[in-house]
Amino acid sequence: MKKLSAIAGLLFIAVSLFGQGARDFETEITDGNVTITGYTGTEKNVRIPEKIHTMTVVSIGEFAFAEKQLTGVYIPPGVTSIGDGAFYGNRIKNIIIPHGVTSIGIVAFSKNEINSLIIPNTVTHIGIGAFSDNRIKSITIPNSLTSIENGVFSDNEIRNVTIPNSVTTIGMYAFYNNKITNVRLPNSITSTGEYAFSTENHLKFTI
């Protein structure tokens, strides 16, 4: 009986340490790589595994974790794309996009509670409204981006934003409804959409 109790205790510790099992994730397999397409678990602070059945998780599918009341998520290295609406409508507060991700889909993290965000310089595309309607206070745009799409960071609490020389276009409503008071635009900018920085504050542009 003591031996059985000890084994049960070790299994409980293992689950606590290593997070959800493969059974909690719906998947698709293509050429030996895994795309997460859904989540059926009950844990609200989700740790996505790096591998499922020895195969690497490379993609988070469209709306895979949408509206699951998640409070946190760990995205493993190896993931290269995050699909449209992947984490839409949760309560995630902090997110680290792993180095190696190249694409973040439309409204991928919209309608969360994100206040801390790190985007690596491997990301070359961020879809419309990807981080809209959060609580982000400061953002550094990676120099791997050439375009900031419509509404990407709208409806946040951003006070400071750094835009690199790699960016040439800024879409409509890109930073709409934030708390930005001073924006430094690089000489590389050729087009800025309507209401890109619209705000109630008196905004100062520096080139």
Foldseek 3Di string as FASTA:
>chain_A
DVVVVVVVVVVVVVCVVPPDAPVQFDWDDDPQAIETQAGNDLAQAHEDDQDHPNGGHAEYEALRQAQNQHQHYHDDPNHAEYEHCSHHAHAHAEDEDDPRHAYYYHLNPANYAHQYYDDDLNHAYYYACNHDQYAHAEDEDHLNYQEQEHNPHDNYAHAYYHDDLSHAEYEHRSHAAYNHAEEEDDPNHDYYYHRVPDYPHHHYYHD
